Amino acid sequence: MNRDFAALVAEGALATIRTRHLFAMRLDVRPIVQVGPTQVGFRRIGFVTGGDIVGARIRGRVLNEANDWQIKRPDGSITLDVRLVIETDQGALVAMAYRGLRHGPAEVIDRLDRGESVDPAAYYFRIAPTFETADATLAWLNNILAIGTGHRFPEGPVYNVFEVL
């Protein structure tokens, strides 16, 4: 292996990922609709009815009628495919899409599914959002990747989202 490559990966600019807090997000969802077993797994759909976005550079609300298309895989993990629209406090619209993954010990996931209180450290819940907007003051969102950590409450999930620098 090339020494420069090895040093770059082990100690240089590629050795870490830096992030900056982007916002916290809370989503309100109706009870999950169980579509049932399909050729790709057990399909579930969450209908998002609103929510809030709170951050230093972006604040607003999540508009009604967003969707969370989930697959419960045979190993019990859940994949998420979410599309929603944020309306900022200034009236700008931002389309947000994210894929996610939630998994953990079966008894923890069962408790989440029953709406019980669970420590967020007891399971894995991560998302990878991207953004799209026509608003000039928020155009920087079009050119970033983000990651987030999540926690599921009975009324909906909460996330802490970070810009990857």
Protein backbone atom coordinates (compact mmCIF):
# COMPACT_ATOMS: atom_id res chain seq x y z
CA MET A 1 0.00 0.00 0.00
CA ASN A 2 1.23 3.48 -0.84
CA ARG A 3 2.62 5.20 2.32
CA ASP A 4 0.93 8.51 1.50
CA PHE A 5 -2.40 6.77 1.05
CA ALA A 6 -2.03 4.84 4.31
CA ALA A 7 -1.13 7.99 6.25
CA LEU A 8 -4.01 9.95 4.74
CA VAL A 9 -6.50 7.26 5.70
CA ALA A 10 -5.08 6.58 9.16
CA GLU A 11 -4.14 10.10 10.29
CA GLY A 12 -5.09 12.69 7.68
CA ALA A 13 -8.17 14.37 6.35
CA LEU A 14 -9.93 11.05 5.69
CA ALA A 15 -9.44 9.70 9.22
CA THR A 16 -12.48 11.40 10.75
CA ILE A 17 -15.87 12.80 9.83
CA ARG A 18 -16.73 16.23 11.13
CA THR A 19 -20.30 17.37 11.62
CA ARG A 20 -22.20 20.50 12.65
CA HIS A 21 -25.63 20.45 14.26
CA LEU A 22 -28.27 21.33 11.68
CA PHE A 23 -31.58 20.93 13.54
CA ALA A 24 -33.75 18.85 15.83
CA MET A 25 -36.92 17.50 14.25
CA ARG A 26 -40.09 16.15 15.82
CA LEU A 27 -42.67 14.38 13.66
CA ASP A 28 -46.32 13.67 14.42
CA VAL A 29 -47.57 10.44 12.84
CA ARG A 30 -50.87 8.62 12.72
CA PRO A 31 -50.82 4.94 13.73
CA ILE A 32 -48.74 2.87 11.32
CA VAL A 33 -50.72 1.22 8.51
CA GLN A 34 -49.77 -2.45 8.14
CA VAL A 35 -49.88 -3.28 4.41
CA GLY A 36 -48.52 -6.77 5.08
CA PRO A 37 -45.97 -9.20 3.69
CA THR A 38 -44.75 -8.34 0.21
CA GLN A 39 -41.97 -9.66 -1.99
CA VAL A 40 -39.46 -7.30 -0.29
CA GLY A 41 -40.58 -7.68 3.34
CA PHE A 42 -43.41 -6.63 5.64
CA ARG A 43 -44.58 -3.25 4.32
CA ARG A 44 -45.73 -0.58 6.79
CA ILE A 45 -46.58 3.04 6.06
CA GLY A 46 -46.49 5.95 8.47
CA PHE A 47 -48.46 9.07 7.60
CA VAL A 48 -46.80 12.20 8.96
CA THR A 49 -49.33 14.87 9.97
CA GLY A 50 -46.90 17.61 11.00
CA GLY A 51 -43.93 18.39 13.15
CA ASP A 52 -41.32 20.95 14.05
CA ILE A 53 -37.78 21.79 12.92
CA VAL A 54 -35.60 23.76 15.35
CA GLY A 55 -32.03 24.77 14.54
CA ALA A 56 -29.71 27.77 14.52
CA ARG A 57 -29.81 28.12 10.70
CA ILE A 58 -33.24 26.69 9.89
CA ARG A 59 -36.51 26.67 11.81
CA GLY A 60 -39.99 25.78 10.71
CA ARG A 61 -42.68 23.17 10.57
CA VAL A 62 -43.25 19.93 8.70
CA LEU A 63 -46.26 20.13 6.42
CA ASN A 64 -49.06 17.58 6.59
CA GLU A 65 -49.26 14.60 4.21
CA ALA A 66 -45.70 13.30 4.33
CA ASN A 67 -45.09 9.55 4.14
CA ASP A 68 -42.73 7.05 5.76
CA TRP A 69 -42.59 3.85 3.71
CA GLN A 70 -41.12 1.17 5.94
CA ILE A 71 -40.04 -2.40 5.42
CA LYS A 72 -39.75 -4.73 8.38
CA ARG A 73 -37.09 -7.20 7.31
CA PRO A 74 -36.94 -10.86 8.36
CA ASP A 75 -34.23 -10.02 10.93
CA GLY A 76 -36.63 -7.54 12.60
CA SER A 77 -34.85 -4.39 11.43
CA ILE A 78 -36.86 -1.57 9.86
CA THR A 79 -35.79 0.39 6.79
CA LEU A 80 -37.28 3.85 6.29
CA ASP A 81 -37.93 5.79 3.10
CA VAL A 82 -39.34 9.21 3.98
CA ARG A 83 -40.37 12.24 1.93
CA LEU A 84 -41.55 15.42 3.63
CA VAL A 85 -41.74 19.19 3.12
CA ILE A 86 -40.50 21.77 5.59
CA GLU A 87 -41.95 25.27 5.60
CA THR A 88 -39.48 27.60 7.30
CA ASP A 89 -40.47 30.44 9.60
CA GLN A 90 -39.73 32.76 6.63
CA GLY A 91 -42.11 30.83 4.34
CA ALA A 92 -39.49 29.00 2.27
CA LEU A 93 -40.20 25.39 1.25
CA VAL A 94 -37.59 22.67 1.60
CA ALA A 95 -38.09 19.12 0.34
CA MET A 96 -36.39 16.62 2.62
CA ALA A 97 -35.88 12.95 1.78
CA TYR A 98 -34.19 10.40 3.98
CA ARG A 99 -33.44 6.75 4.19
CA GLY A 100 -32.98 5.22 7.58
CA LEU A 101 -32.42 2.08 9.58
CA ARG A 102 -33.75 1.06 12.99
CA HIS A 103 -32.82 -2.18 14.74
CA GLY A 104 -32.03 -3.63 18.11
CA PRO A 105 -32.77 -6.55 20.40
CA ALA A 106 -36.16 -8.10 19.60
CA GLU A 107 -37.59 -7.30 23.04
CA VAL A 108 -36.61 -3.61 22.67
CA ILE A 109 -38.18 -3.33 19.21
CA ASP A 110 -41.32 -5.09 20.48
CA ARG A 111 -41.56 -2.53 23.29
CA LEU A 112 -41.20 0.32 20.77
CA ASP A 113 -43.93 -1.21 18.61
CA ARG A 114 -46.23 -1.36 21.66
CA GLY A 115 -45.59 2.34 22.36
CA GLU A 116 -43.61 1.77 25.55
CA SER A 117 -40.84 4.06 26.76
CA VAL A 118 -37.41 2.79 25.68
CA ASP A 119 -33.94 4.23 26.26
CA PRO A 120 -32.64 5.50 22.87
CA ALA A 121 -29.26 3.95 23.67
CA ALA A 122 -30.90 0.49 23.68
CA TYR A 123 -31.30 0.39 19.89
CA TYR A 124 -29.84 1.76 16.65
CA PHE A 125 -31.84 4.43 14.77
CA ARG A 126 -30.03 6.47 12.08
CA ILE A 127 -31.09 8.49 9.03
CA ALA A 128 -29.32 10.03 6.02
CA PRO A 129 -31.25 13.12 4.82
CA THR A 130 -30.82 15.17 1.67
CA PHE A 131 -32.52 18.46 0.83
CA GLU A 132 -33.90 20.36 -2.15
CA THR A 133 -35.04 23.98 -2.18
CA ALA A 134 -35.52 26.85 -4.62
CA ASP A 135 -35.03 29.47 -1.89
CA ALA A 136 -31.80 31.42 -2.50
CA THR A 137 -31.07 31.97 1.21
CA LEU A 138 -31.23 28.21 1.84
CA ALA A 139 -29.54 27.05 -1.38
CA TRP A 140 -26.62 25.74 0.71
CA LEU A 141 -28.95 22.89 1.77
CA ASN A 142 -28.94 21.61 -1.82
CA ASN A 143 -25.21 20.88 -1.55
CA ILE A 144 -24.87 19.07 1.76
CA LEU A 145 -25.27 15.56 3.08
CA ALA A 146 -26.61 15.02 6.55
CA ILE A 147 -26.86 12.26 9.12
CA GLY A 148 -29.15 11.95 12.07
CA THR A 149 -29.87 9.97 15.18
CA GLY A 150 -33.43 9.11 16.07
CA HIS A 151 -35.71 7.99 18.85
CA ARG A 152 -39.24 6.66 18.48
CA PHE A 153 -42.01 7.91 20.75
CA PRO A 154 -45.61 6.60 20.40
CA GLU A 155 -46.75 9.84 18.75
CA GLY A 156 -43.81 9.91 16.35
CA PRO A 157 -40.03 10.06 16.05
CA VAL A 158 -37.60 12.76 17.07
CA TYR A 159 -34.26 13.28 15.34
CA ASN A 160 -31.08 15.22 15.87
CA VAL A 161 -29.71 16.02 12.40
CA PHE A 162 -26.13 17.02 11.58
CA GLU A 163 -24.55 18.47 8.46
CA VAL A 164 -21.56 16.42 7.35
CA LEU A 165 -18.71 18.89 6.84
